[in-house]
Amino acid sequence: MHAELEKLLELETIEREVARLRGEIASLPRRVSDIETRLAAVNAEVDRGHKALKDIESVRRRQEGDIQDLQRKVSKYRDQIQGPGRRDQLCRAGNSHHRG
């Protein structure tokens, strides 16, 4: 009789484990759905981040181009101001206004 009691206790333990595992298996579809929902949200955030990065890179390239254009203009005007004979031209232009 003692052996039968031990077997019944072991059977009860096994049945509890089976019930726990069945509950866990039953919850898996909901858990998978929750994970898929979170994954979709993360993927959407990553996509928004990629788009924002592309937009920022585009703005940066445009601004770098603007800077290069301005640097060329500054260099051109500097060359005009510092060019040979420029000082004489400015002096003559100043004197011609006073003759009027």
PDB file of N, CA and C in Angstrom:
ATOM      1  N   MET A   1       0.816  -1.188   0.000  1.00  0.00           N
ATOM      2  CA  MET A   1       0.000   0.000   0.000  1.00  0.00           C
ATOM      3  C   MET A   1       0.871   1.267   0.000  1.00  0.00           C
ATOM      4  N   HIS A   2       1.964   1.218   0.687  1.00  0.00           N
ATOM      5  CA  HIS A   2       2.879   2.353   0.746  1.00  0.00           C
ATOM      6  C   HIS A   2       3.412   2.694  -0.650  1.00  0.00           C
ATOM      7  N   ALA A   3       3.699   1.707  -1.469  1.00  0.00           N
ATOM      8  CA  ALA A   3       4.197   1.909  -2.829  1.00  0.00           C
ATOM      9  C   ALA A   3       3.120   2.570  -3.689  1.00  0.00           C
ATOM     10  N   GLU A   4       1.873   2.166  -3.448  1.00  0.00           N
ATOM     11  CA  GLU A   4       0.778   2.763  -4.217  1.00  0.00           C
ATOM     12  C   GLU A   4       0.625   4.252  -3.870  1.00  0.00           C
ATOM     13  N   LEU A   5       0.788   4.592  -2.619  1.00  0.00           N
ATOM     14  CA  LEU A   5       0.679   5.971  -2.173  1.00  0.00           C
ATOM     15  C   LEU A   5       1.779   6.828  -2.808  1.00  0.00           C
ATOM     16  N   GLU A   6       2.982   6.292  -2.855  1.00  0.00           N
ATOM     17  CA  GLU A   6       4.088   7.006  -3.492  1.00  0.00           C
ATOM     18  C   GLU A   6       3.811   7.232  -4.972  1.00  0.00           C
ATOM     19  N   LYS A   7       3.267   6.212  -5.621  1.00  0.00           N
ATOM     20  CA  LYS A   7       2.950   6.343  -7.048  1.00  0.00           C
ATOM     21  C   LYS A   7       1.851   7.382  -7.263  1.00  0.00           C
ATOM     22  N   LEU A   8       0.862   7.425  -6.363  1.00  0.00           N
ATOM     23  CA  LEU A   8      -0.199   8.426  -6.473  1.00  0.00           C
ATOM     24  C   LEU A   8       0.360   9.841  -6.285  1.00  0.00           C
ATOM     25  N   LEU A   9       1.263  10.012  -5.337  1.00  0.00           N
ATOM     26  CA  LEU A   9       1.890  11.322  -5.122  1.00  0.00           C
ATOM     27  C   LEU A   9       2.724  11.722  -6.349  1.00  0.00           C
ATOM     28  N   GLU A  10       3.443  10.766  -6.905  1.00  0.00           N
ATOM     29  CA  GLU A  10       4.240  11.041  -8.110  1.00  0.00           C
ATOM     30  C   GLU A  10       3.321  11.391  -9.274  1.00  0.00           C
ATOM     31  N   LEU A  11       2.202  10.677  -9.401  1.00  0.00           N
ATOM     32  CA  LEU A  11       1.232  10.960 -10.456  1.00  0.00           C
ATOM     33  C   LEU A  11       0.646  12.359 -10.279  1.00  0.00           C
ATOM     34  N   GLU A  12       0.358  12.732  -9.019  1.00  0.00           N
ATOM     35  CA  GLU A  12      -0.183  14.060  -8.753  1.00  0.00           C
ATOM     36  C   GLU A  12       0.835  15.137  -9.154  1.00  0.00           C
ATOM     37  N   THR A  13       2.091  14.928  -8.860  1.00  0.00           N
ATOM     38  CA  THR A  13       3.148  15.876  -9.229  1.00  0.00           C
ATOM     39  C   THR A  13       3.236  15.998 -10.745  1.00  0.00           C
ATOM     40  N   ILE A  14       3.181  14.885 -11.415  1.00  0.00           N
ATOM     41  CA  ILE A  14       3.251  14.876 -12.885  1.00  0.00           C
ATOM     42  C   ILE A  14       2.033  15.592 -13.467  1.00  0.00           C
ATOM     43  N   GLU A  15       0.853  15.347 -12.919  1.00  0.00           N
ATOM     44  CA  GLU A  15      -0.357  15.991 -13.417  1.00  0.00           C
ATOM     45  C   GLU A  15      -0.302  17.513 -13.223  1.00  0.00           C
ATOM     46  N   ARG A  16       0.256  17.965 -12.088  1.00  0.00           N
ATOM     47  CA  ARG A  16       0.411  19.405 -11.880  1.00  0.00           C
ATOM     48  C   ARG A  16       1.367  20.007 -12.923  1.00  0.00           C
ATOM     49  N   GLU A  17       2.452  19.300 -13.169  1.00  0.00           N
ATOM     50  CA  GLU A  17       3.421  19.786 -14.173  1.00  0.00           C
ATOM     51  C   GLU A  17       2.781  19.822 -15.556  1.00  0.00           C
ATOM     52  N   VAL A  18       1.998  18.814 -15.880  1.00  0.00           N
ATOM     53  CA  VAL A  18       1.301  18.787 -17.172  1.00  0.00           C
ATOM     54  C   VAL A  18       0.321  19.952 -17.256  1.00  0.00           C
ATOM     55  N   ALA A  19      -0.417  20.212 -16.191  1.00  0.00           N
ATOM     56  CA  ALA A  19      -1.375  21.324 -16.186  1.00  0.00           C
ATOM     57  C   ALA A  19      -0.636  22.653 -16.342  1.00  0.00           C
ATOM     58  N   ARG A  20       0.501  22.797 -15.655  1.00  0.00           N
ATOM     59  CA  ARG A  20       1.292  24.033 -15.787  1.00  0.00           C
ATOM     60  C   ARG A  20       1.784  24.197 -17.224  1.00  0.00           C
ATOM     61  N   LEU A  21       2.278  23.117 -17.809  1.00  0.00           N
ATOM     62  CA  LEU A  21       2.784  23.186 -19.184  1.00  0.00           C
ATOM     63  C   LEU A  21       1.655  23.467 -20.178  1.00  0.00           C
ATOM     64  N   ARG A  22       0.484  22.884 -19.953  1.00  0.00           N
ATOM     65  CA  ARG A  22      -0.661  23.170 -20.832  1.00  0.00           C
ATOM     66  C   ARG A  22      -1.052  24.641 -20.742  1.00  0.00           C
ATOM     67  N   GLY A  23      -1.031  25.204 -19.539  1.00  0.00           N
ATOM     68  CA  GLY A  23      -1.326  26.627 -19.381  1.00  0.00           C
ATOM     69  C   GLY A  23      -0.291  27.482 -20.102  1.00  0.00           C
ATOM     70  N   GLU A  24       0.954  27.086 -20.000  1.00  0.00           N
ATOM     71  CA  GLU A  24       2.007  27.831 -20.688  1.00  0.00           C
ATOM     72  C   GLU A  24       1.847  27.732 -22.199  1.00  0.00           C
ATOM     73  N   ILE A  25       1.524  26.545 -22.675  1.00  0.00           N
ATOM     74  CA  ILE A  25       1.303  26.357 -24.120  1.00  0.00           C
ATOM     75  C   ILE A  25       0.106  27.178 -24.579  1.00  0.00           C
ATOM     76  N   ALA A  26      -0.933  27.219 -23.774  1.00  0.00           N
ATOM     77  CA  ALA A  26      -2.134  27.990 -24.134  1.00  0.00           C
ATOM     78  C   ALA A  26      -1.826  29.483 -24.197  1.00  0.00           C
ATOM     79  N   SER A  27      -0.881  29.950 -23.388  1.00  0.00           N
ATOM     80  CA  SER A  27      -0.566  31.381 -23.382  1.00  0.00           C
ATOM     81  C   SER A  27       0.395  31.774 -24.508  1.00  0.00           C
ATOM     82  N   LEU A  28       1.003  30.806 -25.162  1.00  0.00           N
ATOM     83  CA  LEU A  28       1.998  31.122 -26.188  1.00  0.00           C
ATOM     84  C   LEU A  28       1.455  31.964 -27.342  1.00  0.00           C
ATOM     85  N   PRO A  29       0.288  31.660 -27.918  1.00  0.00           N
ATOM     86  CA  PRO A  29      -0.197  32.508 -29.015  1.00  0.00           C
ATOM     87  C   PRO A  29      -0.341  33.977 -28.619  1.00  0.00           C
ATOM     88  N   ARG A  30      -0.839  34.233 -27.410  1.00  0.00           N
ATOM     89  CA  ARG A  30      -0.974  35.611 -26.936  1.00  0.00           C
ATOM     90  C   ARG A  30       0.404  36.243 -26.759  1.00  0.00           C
ATOM     91  N   ARG A  31       1.334  35.508 -26.189  1.00  0.00           N
ATOM     92  CA  ARG A  31       2.693  36.038 -25.997  1.00  0.00           C
ATOM     93  C   ARG A  31       3.364  36.314 -27.339  1.00  0.00           C
ATOM     94  N   VAL A  32       3.187  35.397 -28.291  1.00  0.00           N
ATOM     95  CA  VAL A  32       3.762  35.601 -29.621  1.00  0.00           C
ATOM     96  C   VAL A  32       3.137  36.833 -30.269  1.00  0.00           C
ATOM     97  N   SER A  33       1.840  36.998 -30.132  1.00  0.00           N
ATOM     98  CA  SER A  33       1.160  38.167 -30.692  1.00  0.00           C
ATOM     99  C   SER A  33       1.676  39.455 -30.072  1.00  0.00           C
ATOM    100  N   ASP A  34       1.865  39.447 -28.754  1.00  0.00           N
ATOM    101  CA  ASP A  34       2.406  40.630 -28.075  1.00  0.00           C
ATOM    102  C   ASP A  34       3.809  40.948 -28.596  1.00  0.00           C
ATOM    103  N   ILE A  35       4.617  39.932 -28.746  1.00  0.00           N
ATOM    104  CA  ILE A  35       5.987  40.129 -29.252  1.00  0.00           C
ATOM    105  C   ILE A  35       5.961  40.660 -30.681  1.00  0.00           C
ATOM    106  N   GLU A  36       5.078  40.112 -31.506  1.00  0.00           N
ATOM    107  CA  GLU A  36       4.971  40.587 -32.892  1.00  0.00           C
ATOM    108  C   GLU A  36       4.519  42.046 -32.937  1.00  0.00           C
ATOM    109  N   THR A  37       3.604  42.422 -32.063  1.00  0.00           N
ATOM    110  CA  THR A  37       3.142  43.816 -31.997  1.00  0.00           C
ATOM    111  C   THR A  37       4.290  44.741 -31.610  1.00  0.00           C
ATOM    112  N   ARG A  38       5.053  44.341 -30.586  1.00  0.00           N
ATOM    113  CA  ARG A  38       6.202  45.154 -30.182  1.00  0.00           C
ATOM    114  C   ARG A  38       7.255  45.214 -31.286  1.00  0.00           C
ATOM    115  N   LEU A  39       7.471  44.097 -31.968  1.00  0.00           N
ATOM    116  CA  LEU A  39       8.435  44.065 -33.069  1.00  0.00           C
ATOM    117  C   LEU A  39       8.004  45.006 -34.190  1.00  0.00           C
ATOM    118  N   ALA A  40       6.721  45.009 -34.515  1.00  0.00           N
ATOM    119  CA  ALA A  40       6.223  45.920 -35.554  1.00  0.00           C
ATOM    120  C   ALA A  40       6.445  47.373 -35.153  1.00  0.00           C
ATOM    121  N   ALA A  41       6.216  47.683 -33.874  1.00  0.00           N
ATOM    122  CA  ALA A  41       6.428  49.052 -33.401  1.00  0.00           C
ATOM    123  C   ALA A  41       7.905  49.429 -33.487  1.00  0.00           C
ATOM    124  N   VAL A  42       8.772  48.515 -33.113  1.00  0.00           N
ATOM    125  CA  VAL A  42      10.213  48.778 -33.180  1.00  0.00           C
ATOM    126  C   VAL A  42      10.648  48.945 -34.640  1.00  0.00           C
ATOM    127  N   ASN A  43      10.139  48.099 -35.518  1.00  0.00           N
ATOM    128  CA  ASN A  43      10.484  48.216 -36.938  1.00  0.00           C
ATOM    129  C   ASN A  43      10.012  49.547 -37.513  1.00  0.00           C
ATOM    130  N   ALA A  44       8.828  49.985 -37.109  1.00  0.00           N
ATOM    131  CA  ALA A  44       8.328  51.280 -37.574  1.00  0.00           C
ATOM    132  C   ALA A  44       9.230  52.407 -37.077  1.00  0.00           C
ATOM    133  N   GLU A  45       9.672  52.307 -35.839  1.00  0.00           N
ATOM    134  CA  GLU A  45      10.574  53.322 -35.279  1.00  0.00           C
ATOM    135  C   GLU A  45      11.910  53.326 -36.020  1.00  0.00           C
ATOM    136  N   VAL A  46      12.409  52.149 -36.337  1.00  0.00           N
ATOM    137  CA  VAL A  46      13.660  52.052 -37.102  1.00  0.00           C
ATOM    138  C   VAL A  46      13.478  52.688 -38.479  1.00  0.00           C
ATOM    139  N   ASP A  47      12.356  52.410 -39.119  1.00  0.00           N
ATOM    140  CA  ASP A  47      12.087  53.011 -40.433  1.00  0.00           C
ATOM    141  C   ASP A  47      12.031  54.533 -40.343  1.00  0.00           C
ATOM    142  N   ARG A  48      11.369  55.050 -39.297  1.00  0.00           N
ATOM    143  CA  ARG A  48      11.323  56.506 -39.104  1.00  0.00           C
ATOM    144  C   ARG A  48      12.730  57.058 -38.878  1.00  0.00           C
ATOM    145  N   GLY A  49      13.539  56.327 -38.133  1.00  0.00           N
ATOM    146  CA  GLY A  49      14.911  56.749 -37.896  1.00  0.00           C
ATOM    147  C   GLY A  49      15.721  56.782 -39.178  1.00  0.00           C
ATOM    148  N   HIS A  50      15.550  55.772 -40.025  1.00  0.00           N
ATOM    149  CA  HIS A  50      16.260  55.743 -41.316  1.00  0.00           C
ATOM    150  C   HIS A  50      15.842  56.914 -42.189  1.00  0.00           C
ATOM    151  N   LYS A  51      14.536  57.205 -42.212  1.00  0.00           N
ATOM    152  CA  LYS A  51      14.058  58.320 -43.017  1.00  0.00           C
ATOM    153  C   LYS A  51      14.615  59.641 -42.480  1.00  0.00           C
ATOM    154  N   ALA A  52      14.599  59.794 -41.168  1.00  0.00           N
ATOM    155  CA  ALA A  52      15.127  61.023 -40.562  1.00  0.00           C
ATOM    156  C   ALA A  52      16.612  61.166 -40.878  1.00  0.00           C
ATOM    157  N   LEU A  53      17.338  60.060 -40.830  1.00  0.00           N
ATOM    158  CA  LEU A  53      18.767  60.099 -41.144  1.00  0.00           C
ATOM    159  C   LEU A  53      18.989  60.524 -42.593  1.00  0.00           C
ATOM    160  N   LYS A  54      18.197  59.974 -43.505  1.00  0.00           N
ATOM    161  CA  LYS A  54      18.322  60.365 -44.917  1.00  0.00           C
ATOM    162  C   LYS A  54      18.012  61.852 -45.101  1.00  0.00           C
ATOM    163  N   ASP A  55      16.974  62.329 -44.411  1.00  0.00           N
ATOM    164  CA  ASP A  55      16.623  63.746 -44.497  1.00  0.00           C
ATOM    165  C   ASP A  55      17.757  64.621 -43.971  1.00  0.00           C
ATOM    166  N   ILE A  56      18.329  64.221 -42.837  1.00  0.00           N
ATOM    167  CA  ILE A  56      19.437  64.984 -42.251  1.00  0.00           C
ATOM    168  C   ILE A  56      20.639  64.979 -43.178  1.00  0.00           C
ATOM    169  N   GLU A  57      20.943  63.823 -43.771  1.00  0.00           N
ATOM    170  CA  GLU A  57      22.080  63.747 -44.693  1.00  0.00           C
ATOM    171  C   GLU A  57      21.850  64.626 -45.917  1.00  0.00           C
ATOM    172  N   SER A  58      20.618  64.667 -46.391  1.00  0.00           N
ATOM    173  CA  SER A  58      20.292  65.512 -47.539  1.00  0.00           C
ATOM    174  C   SER A  58      20.491  66.987 -47.199  1.00  0.00           C
ATOM    175  N   VAL A  59      20.009  67.390 -46.044  1.00  0.00           N
ATOM    176  CA  VAL A  59      20.169  68.780 -45.602  1.00  0.00           C
ATOM    177  C   VAL A  59      21.661  69.094 -45.443  1.00  0.00           C
ATOM    178  N   ARG A  60      22.398  68.172 -44.848  1.00  0.00           N
ATOM    179  CA  ARG A  60      23.833  68.382 -44.649  1.00  0.00           C
ATOM    180  C   ARG A  60      24.550  68.564 -45.990  1.00  0.00           C
ATOM    181  N   ARG A  61      24.231  67.695 -46.968  1.00  0.00           N
ATOM    182  CA  ARG A  61      24.867  67.817 -48.292  1.00  0.00           C
ATOM    183  C   ARG A  61      24.535  69.159 -48.934  1.00  0.00           C
ATOM    184  N   ARG A  62      23.281  69.575 -48.803  1.00  0.00           N
ATOM    185  CA  ARG A  62      22.875  70.858 -49.381  1.00  0.00           C
ATOM    186  C   ARG A  62      23.625  71.999 -48.690  1.00  0.00           C
ATOM    187  N   GLN A  63      23.715  71.933 -47.379  1.00  0.00           N
ATOM    188  CA  GLN A  63      24.412  72.989 -46.643  1.00  0.00           C
ATOM    189  C   GLN A  63      25.911  72.991 -46.949  1.00  0.00           C
ATOM    190  N   GLU A  64      26.489  71.812 -47.123  1.00  0.00           N
ATOM    191  CA  GLU A  64      27.905  71.755 -47.501  1.00  0.00           C
ATOM    192  C   GLU A  64      28.114  72.388 -48.874  1.00  0.00           C
ATOM    193  N   GLY A  65      27.172  72.134 -49.789  1.00  0.00           N
ATOM    194  CA  GLY A  65      27.241  72.768 -51.107  1.00  0.00           C
ATOM    195  C   GLY A  65      27.127  74.273 -51.001  1.00  0.00           C
ATOM    196  N   ASP A  66      26.198  74.733 -50.149  1.00  0.00           N
ATOM    197  CA  ASP A  66      26.052  76.182 -49.932  1.00  0.00           C
ATOM    198  C   ASP A  66      27.340  76.775 -49.378  1.00  0.00           C
ATOM    199  N   ILE A  67      27.957  76.081 -48.444  1.00  0.00           N
ATOM    200  CA  ILE A  67      29.219  76.563 -47.860  1.00  0.00           C
ATOM    201  C   ILE A  67      30.296  76.656 -48.931  1.00  0.00           C
ATOM    202  N   GLN A  68      30.385  75.637 -49.773  1.00  0.00           N
ATOM    203  CA  GLN A  68      31.390  75.666 -50.847  1.00  0.00           C
ATOM    204  C   GLN A  68      31.133  76.829 -51.795  1.00  0.00           C
ATOM    205  N   ASP A  69      29.864  77.057 -52.140  1.00  0.00           N
ATOM    206  CA  ASP A  69      29.531  78.191 -53.011  1.00  0.00           C
ATOM    207  C   ASP A  69      29.951  79.509 -52.367  1.00  0.00           C
ATOM    208  N   LEU A  70      29.642  79.669 -51.104  1.00  0.00           N
ATOM    209  CA  LEU A  70      30.007  80.897 -50.402  1.00  0.00           C
ATOM    210  C   LEU A  70      31.525  81.046 -50.297  1.00  0.00           C
ATOM    211  N   GLN A  71      32.226  79.954 -50.078  1.00  0.00           N
ATOM    212  CA  GLN A  71      33.683  80.020 -50.014  1.00  0.00           C
ATOM    213  C   GLN A  71      34.269  80.441 -51.362  1.00  0.00           C
ATOM    214  N   ARG A  72      33.688  79.940 -52.449  1.00  0.00           N
ATOM    215  CA  ARG A  72      34.150  80.351 -53.783  1.00  0.00           C
ATOM    216  C   ARG A  72      33.895  81.834 -54.008  1.00  0.00           C
ATOM    217  N   LYS A  73      32.717  82.326 -53.581  1.00  0.00           N
ATOM    218  CA  LYS A  73      32.402  83.747 -53.737  1.00  0.00           C
ATOM    219  C   LYS A  73      33.359  84.600 -52.913  1.00  0.00           C
ATOM    220  N   VAL A  74      33.605  84.181 -51.679  1.00  0.00           N
ATOM    221  CA  VAL A  74      34.529  84.927 -50.826  1.00  0.00           C
ATOM    222  C   VAL A  74      35.903  84.964 -51.476  1.00  0.00           C
ATOM    223  N   SER A  75      36.343  83.836 -51.980  1.00  0.00           N
ATOM    224  CA  SER A  75      37.657  83.770 -52.631  1.00  0.00           C
ATOM    225  C   SER A  75      37.689  84.670 -53.867  1.00  0.00           C
ATOM    226  N   LYS A  76      36.621  84.653 -54.643  1.00  0.00           N
ATOM    227  CA  LYS A  76      36.543  85.481 -55.855  1.00  0.00           C
ATOM    228  C   LYS A  76      36.604  86.967 -55.492  1.00  0.00           C
ATOM    229  N   TYR A  77      35.791  87.370 -54.480  1.00  0.00           N
ATOM    230  CA  TYR A  77      35.781  88.779 -54.086  1.00  0.00           C
ATOM    231  C   TYR A  77      37.101  89.183 -53.447  1.00  0.00           C
ATOM    232  N   ARG A  78      37.692  88.273 -52.697  1.00  0.00           N
ATOM    233  CA  ARG A  78      38.989  88.566 -52.091  1.00  0.00           C
ATOM    234  C   ARG A  78      40.028  88.792 -53.198  1.00  0.00           C
ATOM    235  N   ASP A  79      39.992  87.930 -54.220  1.00  0.00           N
ATOM    236  CA  ASP A  79      40.921  88.090 -55.341  1.00  0.00           C
ATOM    237  C   ASP A  79      40.678  89.424 -56.056  1.00  0.00           C
ATOM    238  N   GLN A  80      39.408  89.802 -56.201  1.00  0.00           N
ATOM    239  CA  GLN A  80      39.097  91.071 -56.856  1.00  0.00           C
ATOM    240  C   GLN A  80      39.616  92.251 -56.028  1.00  0.00           C
ATOM    241  N   ILE A  81      39.440  92.159 -54.730  1.00  0.00           N
ATOM    242  CA  ILE A  81      39.869  93.251 -53.860  1.00  0.00           C
ATOM    243  C   ILE A  81      41.390  93.318 -53.783  1.00  0.00           C
ATOM    244  N   GLN A  82      42.022  92.178 -53.708  1.00  0.00           N
ATOM    245  CA  GLN A  82      43.466  92.135 -53.527  1.00  0.00           C
ATOM    246  C   GLN A  82      44.217  92.020 -54.844  1.00  0.00           C
ATOM    247  N   GLY A  83      43.530  92.024 -55.953  1.00  0.00           N
ATOM    248  CA  GLY A  83      44.170  91.843 -57.252  1.00  0.00           C
ATOM    249  C   GLY A  83      45.109  92.990 -57.601  1.00  0.00           C
ATOM    250  N   PRO A  84      45.981  92.791 -58.596  1.00  0.00           N
ATOM    251  CA  PRO A  84      46.940  93.824 -58.989  1.00  0.00           C
ATOM    252  C   PRO A  84      46.219  95.051 -59.526  1.00  0.00           C
ATOM    253  N   GLY A  85      46.658  96.216 -59.084  1.00  0.00           N
ATOM    254  CA  GLY A  85      46.103  97.465 -59.576  1.00  0.00           C
ATOM    255  C   GLY A  85      44.757  97.810 -58.997  1.00  0.00           C
ATOM    256  N   ARG A  86      44.246  96.987 -58.143  1.00  0.00           N
ATOM    257  CA  ARG A  86      42.899  97.229 -57.600  1.00  0.00           C
ATOM    258  C   ARG A  86      42.888  98.497 -56.737  1.00  0.00           C
ATOM    259  N   ARG A  87      43.932  98.706 -55.993  1.00  0.00           N
ATOM    260  CA  ARG A  87      43.985  99.885 -55.136  1.00  0.00           C
ATOM    261  C   ARG A  87      43.971 101.154 -55.983  1.00  0.00           C
ATOM    262  N   ASP A  88      44.705 101.135 -57.096  1.00  0.00           N
ATOM    263  CA  ASP A  88      44.722 102.289 -57.986  1.00  0.00           C
ATOM    264  C   ASP A  88      43.341 102.534 -58.584  1.00  0.00           C
ATOM    265  N   GLN A  89      42.669 101.450 -58.944  1.00  0.00           N
ATOM    266  CA  GLN A  89      41.330 101.583 -59.515  1.00  0.00           C
ATOM    267  C   GLN A  89      40.383 102.212 -58.502  1.00  0.00           C
ATOM    268  N   LEU A  90      40.480 101.792 -57.261  1.00  0.00           N
ATOM    269  CA  LEU A  90      39.609 102.341 -56.230  1.00  0.00           C
ATOM    270  C   LEU A  90      39.897 103.828 -56.022  1.00  0.00           C
ATOM    271  N   CYS A  91      41.177 104.177 -56.045  1.00  0.00           N
ATOM    272  CA  CYS A  91      41.536 105.586 -55.857  1.00  0.00           C
ATOM    273  C   CYS A  91      41.013 106.425 -57.020  1.00  0.00           C
ATOM    274  N   ARG A  92      41.189 105.945 -58.237  1.00  0.00           N
ATOM    275  CA  ARG A  92      40.713 106.692 -59.402  1.00  0.00           C
ATOM    276  C   ARG A  92      39.186 106.827 -59.385  1.00  0.00           C
ATOM    277  N   ALA A  93      38.503 105.748 -58.956  1.00  0.00           N
ATOM    278  CA  ALA A  93      37.051 105.786 -58.890  1.00  0.00           C
ATOM    279  C   ALA A  93      36.619 106.807 -57.849  1.00  0.00           C
ATOM    280  N   GLY A  94      37.324 106.875 -56.745  1.00  0.00           N
ATOM    281  CA  GLY A  94      37.006 107.854 -55.700  1.00  0.00           C
ATOM    282  C   GLY A  94      37.237 109.267 -56.181  1.00  0.00           C
ATOM    283  N   ASN A  95      38.287 109.492 -56.937  1.00  0.00           N
ATOM    284  CA  ASN A  95      38.591 110.826 -57.437  1.00  0.00           C
ATOM    285  C   ASN A  95      37.602 111.264 -58.496  1.00  0.00           C
ATOM    286  N   SER A  96      37.108 110.351 -59.311  1.00  0.00           N
ATOM    287  CA  SER A  96      36.183 110.724 -60.372  1.00  0.00           C
ATOM    288  C   SER A  96      34.852 111.177 -59.789  1.00  0.00           C
ATOM    289  N   HIS A  97      34.495 110.682 -58.622  1.00  0.00           N
ATOM    290  CA  HIS A  97      33.243 111.129 -58.007  1.00  0.00           C
ATOM    291  C   HIS A  97      33.382 112.554 -57.486  1.00  0.00           C
ATOM    292  N   HIS A  98      34.568 112.951 -57.124  1.00  0.00           N
ATOM    293  CA  HIS A  98      34.765 114.281 -56.587  1.00  0.00           C
ATOM    294  C   HIS A  98      34.856 115.334 -57.688  1.00  0.00           C
ATOM    295  N   ARG A  99      35.095 114.929 -58.900  1.00  0.00           N
ATOM    296  CA  ARG A  99      35.256 115.897 -60.006  1.00  0.00           C
ATOM    297  C   ARG A  99      33.922 116.441 -60.452  1.00  0.00           C
ATOM    298  N   GLY A 100      32.877 115.682 -60.332  1.00  0.00           N
ATOM    299  CA  GLY A 100      31.584 115.967 -60.860  1.00  0.00           C
ATOM    300  C   GLY A 100      31.067 117.276 -60.757  1.00  0.00           C
TER     301      GLY A 100
END
